[in-house]
Amino acid sequence: MANIKLFENKRIRSTWNEQEQKWYFSVVDVIEALTDSDNPRDYWYRLKKREKESSGIELSTFCRQLKIESFDGKKYNTECSTAEGLFRIIQSIPSPKAEPFKRWLAKVGYERLEEIENPELAQ
């Protein structure tokens, strides 16, 4: 199951992992939504580098490469993370949108649990 979720009118590509029962979200899309960066891939690269230098933490360890459909309709390997991983990544992003995004992320997870319990809610 692949999906595009909206956070404040920004598209966040996501995919549901049936085996793990978890959503995976495109990290670059999340960064773009939180920072309004013109180049979110570069922002992600610099963020990983800065975090490694300052705290020794490799943010990539919270990610997996998954094939997700791009906005051009083709599927590409994309760094994706679960909600738990995103919470850690978001801690490293100075953005006033971080708290609203965390609440949005929790809501997405809750809605999926509701769909599993009540399949008639799935669209």
PDB file of N, CA and C in Angstrom:
ATOM      1  N   MET A   1       0.848  -1.163   0.000  1.00  0.00           N
ATOM      2  CA  MET A   1       0.000   0.000   0.000  1.00  0.00           C
ATOM      3  C   MET A   1       0.896   1.229   0.000  1.00  0.00           C
ATOM      4  N   ALA A   2       0.781   2.090  -0.981  1.00  0.00           N
ATOM      5  CA  ALA A   2       1.529   3.339  -1.042  1.00  0.00           C
ATOM      6  C   ALA A   2       0.545   4.480  -0.930  1.00  0.00           C
ATOM      7  N   ASN A   3       1.005   5.576  -0.378  1.00  0.00           N
ATOM      8  CA  ASN A   3       0.118   6.682  -0.127  1.00  0.00           C
ATOM      9  C   ASN A   3       0.864   7.994  -0.171  1.00  0.00           C
ATOM     10  N   ILE A   4       0.105   9.040  -0.402  1.00  0.00           N
ATOM     11  CA  ILE A   4       0.616  10.389  -0.214  1.00  0.00           C
ATOM     12  C   ILE A   4      -0.235  11.005   0.875  1.00  0.00           C
ATOM     13  N   LYS A   5       0.417  11.464   1.904  1.00  0.00           N
ATOM     14  CA  LYS A   5      -0.247  12.123   3.018  1.00  0.00           C
ATOM     15  C   LYS A   5       0.000  13.619   2.877  1.00  0.00           C
ATOM     16  N   LEU A   6      -0.894  14.414   3.412  1.00  0.00           N
ATOM     17  CA  LEU A   6      -0.724  15.859   3.373  1.00  0.00           C
ATOM     18  C   LEU A   6      -0.495  16.400   4.775  1.00  0.00           C
ATOM     19  N   PHE A   7       0.546  17.200   4.902  1.00  0.00           N
ATOM     20  CA  PHE A   7       0.809  17.947   6.128  1.00  0.00           C
ATOM     21  C   PHE A   7       0.929  19.400   5.718  1.00  0.00           C
ATOM     22  N   GLU A   8      -0.021  20.216   6.137  1.00  0.00           N
ATOM     23  CA  GLU A   8      -0.034  21.641   5.782  1.00  0.00           C
ATOM     24  C   GLU A   8       0.177  21.836   4.278  1.00  0.00           C
ATOM     25  N   ASN A   9      -0.556  21.084   3.499  1.00  0.00           N
ATOM     26  CA  ASN A   9      -0.535  21.146   2.031  1.00  0.00           C
ATOM     27  C   ASN A   9       0.786  20.702   1.404  1.00  0.00           C
ATOM     28  N   LYS A  10       1.644  20.078   2.176  1.00  0.00           N
ATOM     29  CA  LYS A  10       2.889  19.503   1.642  1.00  0.00           C
ATOM     30  C   LYS A  10       2.689  18.003   1.507  1.00  0.00           C
ATOM     31  N   ARG A  11       3.118  17.452   0.384  1.00  0.00           N
ATOM     32  CA  ARG A  11       2.963  16.015   0.142  1.00  0.00           C
ATOM     33  C   ARG A  11       4.081  15.230   0.817  1.00  0.00           C
ATOM     34  N   ILE A  12       3.683  14.219   1.578  1.00  0.00           N
ATOM     35  CA  ILE A  12       4.627  13.322   2.233  1.00  0.00           C
ATOM     36  C   ILE A  12       4.366  11.930   1.678  1.00  0.00           C
ATOM     37  N   ARG A  13       5.310  11.419   0.897  1.00  0.00           N
ATOM     38  CA  ARG A  13       5.141  10.074   0.355  1.00  0.00           C
ATOM     39  C   ARG A  13       5.327   9.065   1.480  1.00  0.00           C
ATOM     40  N   SER A  14       4.492   8.040   1.463  1.00  0.00           N
ATOM     41  CA  SER A  14       4.556   7.041   2.517  1.00  0.00           C
ATOM     42  C   SER A  14       4.191   5.680   1.949  1.00  0.00           C
ATOM     43  N   THR A  15       4.582   4.651   2.675  1.00  0.00           N
ATOM     44  CA  THR A  15       4.225   3.292   2.298  1.00  0.00           C
ATOM     45  C   THR A  15       3.998   2.494   3.576  1.00  0.00           C
ATOM     46  N   TRP A  16       3.020   1.618   3.515  1.00  0.00           N
ATOM     47  CA  TRP A  16       2.691   0.772   4.661  1.00  0.00           C
ATOM     48  C   TRP A  16       3.424  -0.548   4.527  1.00  0.00           C
ATOM     49  N   ASN A  17       4.158  -0.948   5.564  1.00  0.00           N
ATOM     50  CA  ASN A  17       4.838  -2.231   5.581  1.00  0.00           C
ATOM     51  C   ASN A  17       3.935  -3.207   6.324  1.00  0.00           C
ATOM     52  N   GLU A  18       3.304  -4.082   5.572  1.00  0.00           N
ATOM     53  CA  GLU A  18       2.325  -5.015   6.137  1.00  0.00           C
ATOM     54  C   GLU A  18       2.965  -5.954   7.155  1.00  0.00           C
ATOM     55  N   GLN A  19       4.167  -6.423   6.858  1.00  0.00           N
ATOM     56  CA  GLN A  19       4.843  -7.365   7.744  1.00  0.00           C
ATOM     57  C   GLN A  19       5.159  -6.726   9.100  1.00  0.00           C
ATOM     58  N   GLU A  20       5.661  -5.492   9.072  1.00  0.00           N
ATOM     59  CA  GLU A  20       6.018  -4.806  10.314  1.00  0.00           C
ATOM     60  C   GLU A  20       4.838  -4.062  10.936  1.00  0.00           C
ATOM     61  N   GLN A  21       3.767  -3.884  10.140  1.00  0.00           N
ATOM     62  CA  GLN A  21       2.604  -3.115  10.579  1.00  0.00           C
ATOM     63  C   GLN A  21       3.010  -1.692  10.951  1.00  0.00           C
ATOM     64  N   LYS A  22       3.806  -1.059  10.051  1.00  0.00           N
ATOM     65  CA  LYS A  22       4.289   0.299  10.283  1.00  0.00           C
ATOM     66  C   LYS A  22       4.277   1.102   8.991  1.00  0.00           C
ATOM     67  N   TRP A  23       4.046   2.409   9.142  1.00  0.00           N
ATOM     68  CA  TRP A  23       4.201   3.338   8.027  1.00  0.00           C
ATOM     69  C   TRP A  23       5.667   3.699   7.896  1.00  0.00           C
ATOM     70  N   TYR A  24       6.124   3.872   6.679  1.00  0.00           N
ATOM     71  CA  TYR A  24       7.428   4.445   6.378  1.00  0.00           C
ATOM     72  C   TYR A  24       7.184   5.716   5.573  1.00  0.00           C
ATOM     73  N   PHE A  25       7.888   6.803   5.926  1.00  0.00           N
ATOM     74  CA  PHE A  25       7.698   8.100   5.297  1.00  0.00           C
ATOM     75  C   PHE A  25       8.993   8.554   4.642  1.00  0.00           C
ATOM     76  N   SER A  26       8.870   9.233   3.518  1.00  0.00           N
ATOM     77  CA  SER A  26      10.032   9.781   2.832  1.00  0.00           C
ATOM     78  C   SER A  26      10.651  10.884   3.696  1.00  0.00           C
ATOM     79  N   VAL A  27      11.906  10.700   4.081  1.00  0.00           N
ATOM     80  CA  VAL A  27      12.587  11.662   4.941  1.00  0.00           C
ATOM     81  C   VAL A  27      12.747  13.000   4.223  1.00  0.00           C
ATOM     82  N   VAL A  28      13.077  12.974   2.960  1.00  0.00           N
ATOM     83  CA  VAL A  28      13.264  14.216   2.209  1.00  0.00           C
ATOM     84  C   VAL A  28      11.948  15.009   2.147  1.00  0.00           C
ATOM     85  N   ASP A  29      10.831  14.316   1.991  1.00  0.00           N
ATOM     86  CA  ASP A  29       9.539  15.007   1.979  1.00  0.00           C
ATOM     87  C   ASP A  29       9.243  15.650   3.328  1.00  0.00           C
ATOM     88  N   VAL A  30       9.589  14.954   4.403  1.00  0.00           N
ATOM     89  CA  VAL A  30       9.377  15.498   5.751  1.00  0.00           C
ATOM     90  C   VAL A  30      10.242  16.742   5.944  1.00  0.00           C
ATOM     91  N   ILE A  31      11.490  16.660   5.523  1.00  0.00           N
ATOM     92  CA  ILE A  31      12.398  17.806   5.656  1.00  0.00           C
ATOM     93  C   ILE A  31      11.872  18.997   4.865  1.00  0.00           C
ATOM     94  N   GLU A  32      11.389  18.735   3.668  1.00  0.00           N
ATOM     95  CA  GLU A  32      10.840  19.828   2.862  1.00  0.00           C
ATOM     96  C   GLU A  32       9.635  20.465   3.563  1.00  0.00           C
ATOM     97  N   ALA A  33       8.775  19.646   4.148  1.00  0.00           N
ATOM     98  CA  ALA A  33       7.587  20.159   4.831  1.00  0.00           C
ATOM     99  C   ALA A  33       7.950  20.977   6.067  1.00  0.00           C
ATOM    100  N   LEU A  34       8.990  20.561   6.774  1.00  0.00           N
ATOM    101  CA  LEU A  34       9.364  21.252   8.008  1.00  0.00           C
ATOM    102  C   LEU A  34      10.206  22.490   7.778  1.00  0.00           C
ATOM    103  N   THR A  35      10.982  22.504   6.704  1.00  0.00           N
ATOM    104  CA  THR A  35      11.954  23.587   6.522  1.00  0.00           C
ATOM    105  C   THR A  35      11.633  24.515   5.364  1.00  0.00           C
ATOM    106  N   ASP A  36      10.744  24.103   4.471  1.00  0.00           N
ATOM    107  CA  ASP A  36      10.474  24.858   3.238  1.00  0.00           C
ATOM    108  C   ASP A  36      11.750  25.077   2.435  1.00  0.00           C
ATOM    109  N   SER A  37      12.699  24.158   2.574  1.00  0.00           N
ATOM    110  CA  SER A  37      13.969  24.251   1.857  1.00  0.00           C
ATOM    111  C   SER A  37      13.755  24.097   0.358  1.00  0.00           C
ATOM    112  N   ASP A  38      14.506  24.870  -0.419  1.00  0.00           N
ATOM    113  CA  ASP A  38      14.470  24.745  -1.876  1.00  0.00           C
ATOM    114  C   ASP A  38      15.177  23.474  -2.330  1.00  0.00           C
ATOM    115  N   ASN A  39      16.058  22.957  -1.482  1.00  0.00           N
ATOM    116  CA  ASN A  39      16.804  21.753  -1.812  1.00  0.00           C
ATOM    117  C   ASN A  39      16.815  20.819  -0.592  1.00  0.00           C
ATOM    118  N   PRO A  40      15.703  20.115  -0.358  1.00  0.00           N
ATOM    119  CA  PRO A  40      15.637  19.273   0.845  1.00  0.00           C
ATOM    120  C   PRO A  40      16.640  18.131   0.861  1.00  0.00           C
ATOM    121  N   ARG A  41      17.058  17.641  -0.307  1.00  0.00           N
ATOM    122  CA  ARG A  41      18.078  16.583  -0.327  1.00  0.00           C
ATOM    123  C   ARG A  41      19.406  17.105   0.224  1.00  0.00           C
ATOM    124  N   ASP A  42      19.764  18.315  -0.160  1.00  0.00           N
ATOM    125  CA  ASP A  42      20.987  18.920   0.348  1.00  0.00           C
ATOM    126  C   ASP A  42      20.855  19.211   1.849  1.00  0.00           C
ATOM    127  N   TYR A  43      19.696  19.685   2.278  1.00  0.00           N
ATOM    128  CA  TYR A  43      19.450  19.933   3.694  1.00  0.00           C
ATOM    129  C   TYR A  43      19.637  18.631   4.483  1.00  0.00           C
ATOM    130  N   TRP A  44      19.078  17.524   3.988  1.00  0.00           N
ATOM    131  CA  TRP A  44      19.191  16.222   4.638  1.00  0.00           C
ATOM    132  C   TRP A  44      20.653  15.799   4.720  1.00  0.00           C
ATOM    133  N   TYR A  45      21.403  15.973   3.643  1.00  0.00           N
ATOM    134  CA  TYR A  45      22.825  15.632   3.628  1.00  0.00           C
ATOM    135  C   TYR A  45      23.572  16.428   4.698  1.00  0.00           C
ATOM    136  N   ARG A  46      23.344  17.751   4.735  1.00  0.00           N
ATOM    137  CA  ARG A  46      24.027  18.608   5.714  1.00  0.00           C
ATOM    138  C   ARG A  46      23.586  18.292   7.140  1.00  0.00           C
ATOM    139  N   LEU A  47      22.310  17.978   7.326  1.00  0.00           N
ATOM    140  CA  LEU A  47      21.791  17.626   8.649  1.00  0.00           C
ATOM    141  C   LEU A  47      22.471  16.360   9.173  1.00  0.00           C
ATOM    142  N   LYS A  48      22.579  15.340   8.321  1.00  0.00           N
ATOM    143  CA  LYS A  48      23.245  14.094   8.730  1.00  0.00           C
ATOM    144  C   LYS A  48      24.698  14.357   9.116  1.00  0.00           C
ATOM    145  N   LYS A  49      25.372  15.160   8.313  1.00  0.00           N
ATOM    146  CA  LYS A  49      26.777  15.469   8.562  1.00  0.00           C
ATOM    147  C   LYS A  49      26.937  16.254   9.871  1.00  0.00           C
ATOM    148  N   ARG A  50      26.111  17.270  10.068  1.00  0.00           N
ATOM    149  CA  ARG A  50      26.183  18.101  11.270  1.00  0.00           C
ATOM    150  C   ARG A  50      25.899  17.268  12.534  1.00  0.00           C
ATOM    151  N   GLU A  51      24.874  16.405  12.476  1.00  0.00           N
ATOM    152  CA  GLU A  51      24.514  15.590  13.638  1.00  0.00           C
ATOM    153  C   GLU A  51      25.627  14.601  13.971  1.00  0.00           C
ATOM    154  N   LYS A  52      26.248  14.026  12.958  1.00  0.00           N
ATOM    155  CA  LYS A  52      27.348  13.079  13.180  1.00  0.00           C
ATOM    156  C   LYS A  52      28.521  13.785  13.866  1.00  0.00           C
ATOM    157  N   GLU A  53      28.827  14.998  13.402  1.00  0.00           N
ATOM    158  CA  GLU A  53      29.944  15.748  13.980  1.00  0.00           C
ATOM    159  C   GLU A  53      29.648  16.219  15.395  1.00  0.00           C
ATOM    160  N   SER A  54      28.410  16.646  15.662  1.00  0.00           N
ATOM    161  CA  SER A  54      28.110  17.212  16.976  1.00  0.00           C
ATOM    162  C   SER A  54      27.783  16.166  18.041  1.00  0.00           C
ATOM    163  N   SER A  55      27.067  15.114  17.670  1.00  0.00           N
ATOM    164  CA  SER A  55      26.646  14.139  18.685  1.00  0.00           C
ATOM    165  C   SER A  55      27.167  12.726  18.438  1.00  0.00           C
ATOM    166  N   GLY A  56      27.715  12.512  17.239  1.00  0.00           N
ATOM    167  CA  GLY A  56      28.196  11.179  16.893  1.00  0.00           C
ATOM    168  C   GLY A  56      27.095  10.243  16.411  1.00  0.00           C
ATOM    169  N   ILE A  57      25.868  10.758  16.297  1.00  0.00           N
ATOM    170  CA  ILE A  57      24.734   9.927  15.885  1.00  0.00           C
ATOM    171  C   ILE A  57      24.585   9.964  14.366  1.00  0.00           C
ATOM    172  N   GLU A  58      24.462   8.782  13.780  1.00  0.00           N
ATOM    173  CA  GLU A  58      24.232   8.644  12.341  1.00  0.00           C
ATOM    174  C   GLU A  58      22.726   8.611  12.114  1.00  0.00           C
ATOM    175  N   LEU A  59      22.151   9.696  11.620  1.00  0.00           N
ATOM    176  CA  LEU A  59      20.708   9.748  11.401  1.00  0.00           C
ATOM    177  C   LEU A  59      20.248   8.722  10.371  1.00  0.00           C
ATOM    178  N   SER A  60      21.133   8.320   9.482  1.00  0.00           N
ATOM    179  CA  SER A  60      20.769   7.316   8.477  1.00  0.00           C
ATOM    180  C   SER A  60      20.414   5.971   9.099  1.00  0.00           C
ATOM    181  N   THR A  61      20.860   5.734  10.333  1.00  0.00           N
ATOM    182  CA  THR A  61      20.539   4.461  10.974  1.00  0.00           C
ATOM    183  C   THR A  61      19.050   4.359  11.297  1.00  0.00           C
ATOM    184  N   PHE A  62      18.342   5.480  11.240  1.00  0.00           N
ATOM    185  CA  PHE A  62      16.898   5.479  11.478  1.00  0.00           C
ATOM    186  C   PHE A  62      16.116   5.307  10.177  1.00  0.00           C
ATOM    187  N   CYS A  63      16.840   5.035   9.089  1.00  0.00           N
ATOM    188  CA  CYS A  63      16.225   4.997   7.759  1.00  0.00           C
ATOM    189  C   CYS A  63      16.438   3.660   7.062  1.00  0.00           C
ATOM    190  N   ARG A  64      15.591   3.425   6.056  1.00  0.00           N
ATOM    191  CA  ARG A  64      15.742   2.296   5.137  1.00  0.00           C
ATOM    192  C   ARG A  64      15.535   2.839   3.730  1.00  0.00           C
ATOM    193  N   GLN A  65      16.225   2.233   2.787  1.00  0.00           N
ATOM    194  CA  GLN A  65      16.020   2.573   1.381  1.00  0.00           C
ATOM    195  C   GLN A  65      14.822   1.766   0.884  1.00  0.00           C
ATOM    196  N   LEU A  66      13.779   2.443   0.483  1.00  0.00           N
ATOM    197  CA  LEU A  66      12.594   1.785  -0.059  1.00  0.00           C
ATOM    198  C   LEU A  66      12.258   2.398  -1.414  1.00  0.00           C
ATOM    199  N   LYS A  67      11.743   1.571  -2.310  1.00  0.00           N
ATOM    200  CA  LYS A  67      11.304   2.091  -3.612  1.00  0.00           C
ATOM    201  C   LYS A  67       9.933   2.725  -3.420  1.00  0.00           C
ATOM    202  N   ILE A  68       9.901   4.030  -3.617  1.00  0.00           N
ATOM    203  CA  ILE A  68       8.657   4.786  -3.489  1.00  0.00           C
ATOM    204  C   ILE A  68       8.468   5.585  -4.770  1.00  0.00           C
ATOM    205  N   GLU A  69       7.217   5.668  -5.174  1.00  0.00           N
ATOM    206  CA  GLU A  69       6.898   6.407  -6.382  1.00  0.00           C
ATOM    207  C   GLU A  69       7.199   7.883  -6.192  1.00  0.00           C
ATOM    208  N   SER A  70       7.934   8.421  -7.164  1.00  0.00           N
ATOM    209  CA  SER A  70       8.275   9.832  -7.143  1.00  0.00           C
ATOM    210  C   SER A  70       7.155  10.629  -7.801  1.00  0.00           C
ATOM    211  N   PHE A  71       7.285  11.921  -7.745  1.00  0.00           N
ATOM    212  CA  PHE A  71       6.246  12.774  -8.313  1.00  0.00           C
ATOM    213  C   PHE A  71       6.230  12.734  -9.839  1.00  0.00           C
ATOM    214  N   ASP A  72       7.285  12.104 -10.443  1.00  0.00           N
ATOM    215  CA  ASP A  72       7.282  11.923 -11.901  1.00  0.00           C
ATOM    216  C   ASP A  72       6.650  10.591 -12.303  1.00  0.00           C
ATOM    217  N   GLY A  73       6.143   9.829 -11.304  1.00  0.00           N
ATOM    218  CA  GLY A  73       5.470   8.560 -11.577  1.00  0.00           C
ATOM    219  C   GLY A  73       6.377   7.349 -11.569  1.00  0.00           C
ATOM    220  N   LYS A  74       7.694   7.545 -11.488  1.00  0.00           N
ATOM    221  CA  LYS A  74       8.644   6.434 -11.452  1.00  0.00           C
ATOM    222  C   LYS A  74       8.999   6.106 -10.005  1.00  0.00           C
ATOM    223  N   LYS A  75       9.425   4.857  -9.777  1.00  0.00           N
ATOM    224  CA  LYS A  75       9.818   4.439  -8.429  1.00  0.00           C
ATOM    225  C   LYS A  75      11.329   4.526  -8.280  1.00  0.00           C
ATOM    226  N   TYR A  76      11.758   5.141  -7.189  1.00  0.00           N
ATOM    227  CA  TYR A  76      13.178   5.307  -6.893  1.00  0.00           C
ATOM    228  C   TYR A  76      13.440   4.876  -5.449  1.00  0.00           C
ATOM    229  N   ASN A  77      14.683   4.428  -5.200  1.00  0.00           N
ATOM    230  CA  ASN A  77      15.086   4.175  -3.823  1.00  0.00           C
ATOM    231  C   ASN A  77      15.089   5.509  -3.091  1.00  0.00           C
ATOM    232  N   THR A  78      14.428   5.521  -1.953  1.00  0.00           N
ATOM    233  CA  THR A  78      14.256   6.743  -1.184  1.00  0.00           C
ATOM    234  C   THR A  78      14.516   6.430   0.273  1.00  0.00           C
ATOM    235  N   GLU A  79      15.242   7.316   0.951  1.00  0.00           N
ATOM    236  CA  GLU A  79      15.451   7.109   2.378  1.00  0.00           C
ATOM    237  C   GLU A  79      14.128   7.351   3.090  1.00  0.00           C
ATOM    238  N   CYS A  80      13.672   6.334   3.805  1.00  0.00           N
ATOM    239  CA  CYS A  80      12.390   6.388   4.511  1.00  0.00           C
ATOM    240  C   CYS A  80      12.613   6.005   5.962  1.00  0.00           C
ATOM    241  N   SER A  81      11.704   6.469   6.806  1.00  0.00           N
ATOM    242  CA  SER A  81      11.799   6.150   8.221  1.00  0.00           C
ATOM    243  C   SER A  81      10.412   5.947   8.800  1.00  0.00           C
ATOM    244  N   THR A  82      10.359   5.157   9.854  1.00  0.00           N
ATOM    245  CA  THR A  82       9.117   4.965  10.589  1.00  0.00           C
ATOM    246  C   THR A  82       8.847   6.214  11.427  1.00  0.00           C
ATOM    247  N   ALA A  83       7.695   6.257  12.051  1.00  0.00           N
ATOM    248  CA  ALA A  83       7.358   7.380  12.926  1.00  0.00           C
ATOM    249  C   ALA A  83       8.396   7.528  14.032  1.00  0.00           C
ATOM    250  N   GLU A  84       8.808   6.407  14.621  1.00  0.00           N
ATOM    251  CA  GLU A  84       9.801   6.466  15.696  1.00  0.00           C
ATOM    252  C   GLU A  84      11.105   7.093  15.222  1.00  0.00           C
ATOM    253  N   GLY A  85      11.568   6.669  14.058  1.00  0.00           N
ATOM    254  CA  GLY A  85      12.795   7.234  13.504  1.00  0.00           C
ATOM    255  C   GLY A  85      12.645   8.702  13.167  1.00  0.00           C
ATOM    256  N   LEU A  86      11.481   9.058  12.635  1.00  0.00           N
ATOM    257  CA  LEU A  86      11.249  10.464  12.294  1.00  0.00           C
ATOM    258  C   LEU A  86      11.251  11.355  13.528  1.00  0.00           C
ATOM    259  N   PHE A  87      10.720  10.839  14.646  1.00  0.00           N
ATOM    260  CA  PHE A  87      10.743  11.639  15.871  1.00  0.00           C
ATOM    261  C   PHE A  87      12.182  12.007  16.231  1.00  0.00           C
ATOM    262  N   ARG A  88      13.102  11.068  16.072  1.00  0.00           N
ATOM    263  CA  ARG A  88      14.511  11.352  16.373  1.00  0.00           C
ATOM    264  C   ARG A  88      15.105  12.326  15.353  1.00  0.00           C
ATOM    265  N   ILE A  89      14.810  12.128  14.091  1.00  0.00           N
ATOM    266  CA  ILE A  89      15.337  13.019  13.055  1.00  0.00           C
ATOM    267  C   ILE A  89      14.814  14.438  13.256  1.00  0.00           C
ATOM    268  N   ILE A  90      13.531  14.553  13.570  1.00  0.00           N
ATOM    269  CA  ILE A  90      12.901  15.869  13.750  1.00  0.00           C
ATOM    270  C   ILE A  90      13.549  16.639  14.894  1.00  0.00           C
ATOM    271  N   GLN A  91      14.052  15.936  15.910  1.00  0.00           N
ATOM    272  CA  GLN A  91      14.742  16.612  17.019  1.00  0.00           C
ATOM    273  C   GLN A  91      15.928  17.438  16.527  1.00  0.00           C
ATOM    274  N   SER A  92      16.492  17.062  15.395  1.00  0.00           N
ATOM    275  CA  SER A  92      17.671  17.738  14.861  1.00  0.00           C
ATOM    276  C   SER A  92      17.326  18.884  13.919  1.00  0.00           C
ATOM    277  N   ILE A  93      16.046  19.102  13.669  1.00  0.00           N
ATOM    278  CA  ILE A  93      15.615  20.137  12.724  1.00  0.00           C
ATOM    279  C   ILE A  93      15.015  21.311  13.492  1.00  0.00           C
ATOM    280  N   PRO A  94      15.681  22.463  13.459  1.00  0.00           N
ATOM    281  CA  PRO A  94      15.122  23.629  14.144  1.00  0.00           C
ATOM    282  C   PRO A  94      13.969  24.209  13.318  1.00  0.00           C
ATOM    283  N   SER A  95      12.761  23.855  13.684  1.00  0.00           N
ATOM    284  CA  SER A  95      11.593  24.306  12.921  1.00  0.00           C
ATOM    285  C   SER A  95      10.405  24.487  13.854  1.00  0.00           C
ATOM    286  N   PRO A  96       9.677  25.589  13.693  1.00  0.00           N
ATOM    287  CA  PRO A  96       8.459  25.765  14.491  1.00  0.00           C
ATOM    288  C   PRO A  96       7.361  24.776  14.085  1.00  0.00           C
ATOM    289  N   LYS A  97       7.546  24.109  12.954  1.00  0.00           N
ATOM    290  CA  LYS A  97       6.559  23.135  12.486  1.00  0.00           C
ATOM    291  C   LYS A  97       6.778  21.750  13.097  1.00  0.00           C
ATOM    292  N   ALA A  98       7.841  21.574  13.882  1.00  0.00           N
ATOM    293  CA  ALA A  98       8.173  20.253  14.409  1.00  0.00           C
ATOM    294  C   ALA A  98       7.069  19.695  15.306  1.00  0.00           C
ATOM    295  N   GLU A  99       6.574  20.476  16.240  1.00  0.00           N
ATOM    296  CA  GLU A  99       5.536  19.970  17.151  1.00  0.00           C
ATOM    297  C   GLU A  99       4.239  19.651  16.406  1.00  0.00           C
ATOM    298  N   PRO A 100       3.746  20.558  15.530  1.00  0.00           N
ATOM    299  CA  PRO A 100       2.546  20.194  14.764  1.00  0.00           C
ATOM    300  C   PRO A 100       2.762  18.951  13.907  1.00  0.00           C
ATOM    301  N   PHE A 101       3.972  18.769  13.387  1.00  0.00           N
ATOM    302  CA  PHE A 101       4.255  17.580  12.576  1.00  0.00           C
ATOM    303  C   PHE A 101       4.206  16.323  13.430  1.00  0.00           C
ATOM    304  N   LYS A 102       4.733  16.375  14.634  1.00  0.00           N
ATOM    305  CA  LYS A 102       4.692  15.213  15.528  1.00  0.00           C
ATOM    306  C   LYS A 102       3.244  14.821  15.815  1.00  0.00           C
ATOM    307  N   ARG A 103       2.387  15.807  16.059  1.00  0.00           N
ATOM    308  CA  ARG A 103       0.972  15.509  16.311  1.00  0.00           C
ATOM    309  C   ARG A 103       0.333  14.900  15.063  1.00  0.00           C
ATOM    310  N   TRP A 104       0.677  15.428  13.892  1.00  0.00           N
ATOM    311  CA  TRP A 104       0.157  14.903  12.623  1.00  0.00           C
ATOM    312  C   TRP A 104       0.590  13.444  12.448  1.00  0.00           C
ATOM    313  N   LEU A 105       1.844  13.165  12.741  1.00  0.00           N
ATOM    314  CA  LEU A 105       2.392  11.817  12.601  1.00  0.00           C
ATOM    315  C   LEU A 105       1.655  10.840  13.522  1.00  0.00           C
ATOM    316  N   ALA A 106       1.394  11.257  14.747  1.00  0.00           N
ATOM    317  CA  ALA A 106       0.650  10.405  15.678  1.00  0.00           C
ATOM    318  C   ALA A 106      -0.763  10.147  15.160  1.00  0.00           C
ATOM    319  N   LYS A 107      -1.375  11.155  14.559  1.00  0.00           N
ATOM    320  CA  LYS A 107      -2.729  11.007  14.022  1.00  0.00           C
ATOM    321  C   LYS A 107      -2.755  10.014  12.863  1.00  0.00           C
ATOM    322  N   VAL A 108      -1.757  10.081  11.981  1.00  0.00           N
ATOM    323  CA  VAL A 108      -1.668   9.149  10.850  1.00  0.00           C
ATOM    324  C   VAL A 108      -1.576   7.719  11.363  1.00  0.00           C
ATOM    325  N   GLY A 109      -0.742   7.502  12.378  1.00  0.00           N
ATOM    326  CA  GLY A 109      -0.614   6.170  12.957  1.00  0.00           C
ATOM    327  C   GLY A 109      -1.904   5.696  13.600  1.00  0.00           C
ATOM    328  N   TYR A 110      -2.577   6.585  14.315  1.00  0.00           N
ATOM    329  CA  TYR A 110      -3.842   6.237  14.964  1.00  0.00           C
ATOM    330  C   TYR A 110      -4.899   5.862  13.924  1.00  0.00           C
ATOM    331  N   GLU A 111      -4.972   6.647  12.843  1.00  0.00           N
ATOM    332  CA  GLU A 111      -5.955   6.361  11.793  1.00  0.00           C
ATOM    333  C   GLU A 111      -5.710   4.995  11.169  1.00  0.00           C
ATOM    334  N   ARG A 112      -4.451   4.619  10.987  1.00  0.00           N
ATOM    335  CA  ARG A 112      -4.142   3.308  10.405  1.00  0.00           C
ATOM    336  C   ARG A 112      -4.566   2.187  11.358  1.00  0.00           C
ATOM    337  N   LEU A 113      -4.329   2.375  12.644  1.00  0.00           N
ATOM    338  CA  LEU A 113      -4.770   1.373  13.608  1.00  0.00           C
ATOM    339  C   LEU A 113      -6.290   1.225  13.598  1.00  0.00           C
ATOM    340  N   GLU A 114      -6.988   2.329  13.462  1.00  0.00           N
ATOM    341  CA  GLU A 114      -8.449   2.295  13.373  1.00  0.00           C
ATOM    342  C   GLU A 114      -8.899   1.515  12.133  1.00  0.00           C
ATOM    343  N   GLU A 115      -8.197   1.718  10.994  1.00  0.00           N
ATOM    344  CA  GLU A 115      -8.542   0.997   9.760  1.00  0.00           C
ATOM    345  C   GLU A 115      -8.322  -0.506   9.922  1.00  0.00           C
ATOM    346  N   ILE A 116      -7.265  -0.882  10.651  1.00  0.00           N
ATOM    347  CA  ILE A 116      -6.990  -2.313  10.856  1.00  0.00           C
ATOM    348  C   ILE A 116      -8.093  -2.922  11.705  1.00  0.00           C
ATOM    349  N   GLU A 117      -8.490  -2.217  12.762  1.00  0.00           N
ATOM    350  CA  GLU A 117      -9.542  -2.732  13.638  1.00  0.00           C
ATOM    351  C   GLU A 117     -10.922  -2.699  12.993  1.00  0.00           C
ATOM    352  N   ASN A 118     -11.141  -1.703  12.142  1.00  0.00           N
ATOM    353  CA  ASN A 118     -12.435  -1.520  11.483  1.00  0.00           C
ATOM    354  C   ASN A 118     -12.212  -1.352   9.979  1.00  0.00           C
ATOM    355  N   PRO A 119     -12.054  -2.445   9.223  1.00  0.00           N
ATOM    356  CA  PRO A 119     -11.730  -2.367   7.803  1.00  0.00           C
ATOM    357  C   PRO A 119     -12.710  -1.521   6.989  1.00  0.00           C
ATOM    358  N   GLU A 120     -13.931  -1.376   7.456  1.00  0.00           N
ATOM    359  CA  GLU A 120     -14.906  -0.559   6.709  1.00  0.00           C
ATOM    360  C   GLU A 120     -14.510   0.913   6.685  1.00  0.00           C
ATOM    361  N   LEU A 121     -13.570   1.332   7.545  1.00  0.00           N
ATOM    362  CA  LEU A 121     -13.091   2.717   7.564  1.00  0.00           C
ATOM    363  C   LEU A 121     -12.068   2.982   6.462  1.00  0.00           C
ATOM    364  N   ALA A 122     -11.425   1.927   5.962  1.00  0.00           N
ATOM    365  CA  ALA A 122     -10.394   2.080   4.925  1.00  0.00           C
ATOM    366  C   ALA A 122     -11.038   2.601   3.652  1.00  0.00           C
ATOM    367  N   GLN A 123     -10.294   3.454   2.982  1.00  0.00           N
ATOM    368  CA  GLN A 123     -10.847   4.057   1.766  1.00  0.00           C
ATOM    369  C   GLN A 123     -10.260   3.471   0.537  1.00  0.00           C
TER     370      GLN A 123
END
